[in-house]
Amino acid sequence: MTTTEDRLVTSELVAGQTWTPVELDAVVSMLVTRFPGHPREEVASVVGEVYRGLVSNAKVTAHLIPLTFNRSREQLARQRPAA
């Protein structure tokens, strides 16, 4: 379940963009479940960086959320969990 605090973390990721925090909250929540050793703030940071990188170069935005999920998942899989 997403809390108000979680939404505040991810709402910063979409400032000025067309996607809503709810969509990125879902990505963060799925990745936190998949990578329990990574703190939620770290996962949200990775998702935000990936999303901003994709959206800055996107000509077509229809698949930004699935691309954000996949690239974030790959990046988190390569990283060691924060201590």
Protein backbone atom coordinates (compact mmCIF):
# COMPACT_ATOMS: atom_id res chain seq x y z
CA MET A 1 0.00 0.00 0.00
CA THR A 2 1.30 3.44 -0.92
CA THR A 3 1.33 5.99 1.86
CA THR A 4 1.13 9.76 1.67
CA GLU A 5 4.84 9.93 2.50
CA ASP A 6 5.64 7.60 -0.43
CA ARG A 7 3.66 9.81 -2.78
CA LEU A 8 5.58 12.85 -1.60
CA VAL A 9 8.84 11.07 -2.49
CA THR A 10 7.73 10.24 -6.01
CA SER A 11 5.74 13.40 -6.70
CA GLU A 12 9.06 15.19 -7.10
CA LEU A 13 9.93 12.80 -9.93
CA VAL A 14 7.16 14.03 -12.18
CA ALA A 15 7.23 17.78 -11.64
CA GLY A 16 6.45 19.37 -14.97
CA GLN A 17 5.86 16.03 -16.70
CA THR A 18 2.73 14.41 -18.10
CA TRP A 19 2.91 11.28 -15.92
CA THR A 20 1.27 11.21 -12.53
CA PRO A 21 2.98 10.23 -9.29
CA VAL A 22 0.64 7.24 -9.08
CA GLU A 23 2.27 5.60 -12.10
CA LEU A 24 5.78 6.06 -10.76
CA ASP A 25 4.64 5.06 -7.26
CA ALA A 26 3.57 1.75 -8.78
CA VAL A 27 7.00 1.30 -10.40
CA VAL A 28 8.76 2.12 -7.12
CA SER A 29 6.49 -0.23 -5.14
CA MET A 30 7.06 -3.13 -7.54
CA LEU A 31 10.81 -2.63 -7.45
CA VAL A 32 10.92 -2.32 -3.65
CA THR A 33 9.14 -5.68 -3.48
CA ARG A 34 11.56 -7.21 -5.96
CA PHE A 35 14.65 -5.72 -4.28
CA PRO A 36 13.92 -5.74 -0.53
CA GLY A 37 17.57 -5.00 0.34
CA HIS A 38 17.35 -1.57 -1.30
CA PRO A 39 15.68 1.21 0.75
CA ARG A 40 12.60 2.78 -0.81
CA GLU A 41 14.37 6.15 -1.08
CA GLU A 42 17.18 4.55 -3.10
CA VAL A 43 14.71 2.83 -5.42
CA ALA A 44 12.75 6.07 -5.86
CA SER A 45 15.99 7.88 -6.68
CA VAL A 46 16.94 5.31 -9.33
CA VAL A 47 13.45 5.41 -10.84
CA GLY A 48 13.54 9.23 -10.90
CA GLU A 49 16.95 9.35 -12.60
CA VAL A 50 15.93 6.78 -15.19
CA TYR A 51 12.58 8.46 -15.84
CA ARG A 52 14.11 11.91 -16.22
CA GLY A 53 16.75 10.55 -18.60
CA LEU A 54 14.15 8.84 -20.74
CA VAL A 55 11.70 11.73 -20.81
CA SER A 56 14.41 14.25 -21.72
CA ASN A 57 15.10 12.41 -24.98
CA ALA A 58 11.66 10.95 -25.71
CA LYS A 59 9.90 11.71 -28.95
CA VAL A 60 7.19 9.15 -28.16
CA THR A 61 6.03 8.92 -24.55
CA ALA A 62 3.61 5.99 -24.74
CA HIS A 63 6.05 3.48 -23.26
CA LEU A 64 7.94 5.59 -20.72
CA ILE A 65 6.59 3.77 -17.66
CA PRO A 66 7.47 0.23 -18.83
CA LEU A 67 10.87 1.45 -20.02
CA THR A 68 11.44 3.17 -16.69
CA PHE A 69 10.55 -0.05 -14.86
CA ASN A 70 12.85 -2.22 -16.97
CA ARG A 71 15.86 0.09 -16.90
CA SER A 72 15.46 0.74 -13.18
CA ARG A 73 15.22 -3.00 -12.54
CA GLU A 74 18.40 -3.61 -14.52
CA GLN A 75 20.24 -0.85 -12.67
CA LEU A 76 19.12 -2.07 -9.24
CA ALA A 77 20.11 -5.65 -10.13
CA ARG A 78 23.66 -4.43 -10.86
CA GLN A 79 23.92 -2.44 -7.62
CA ARG A 80 24.65 -3.79 -4.20
CA PRO A 81 22.01 -2.91 -1.61
CA ALA A 82 22.80 0.05 0.62
CA ALA A 83 24.12 -0.96 4.04
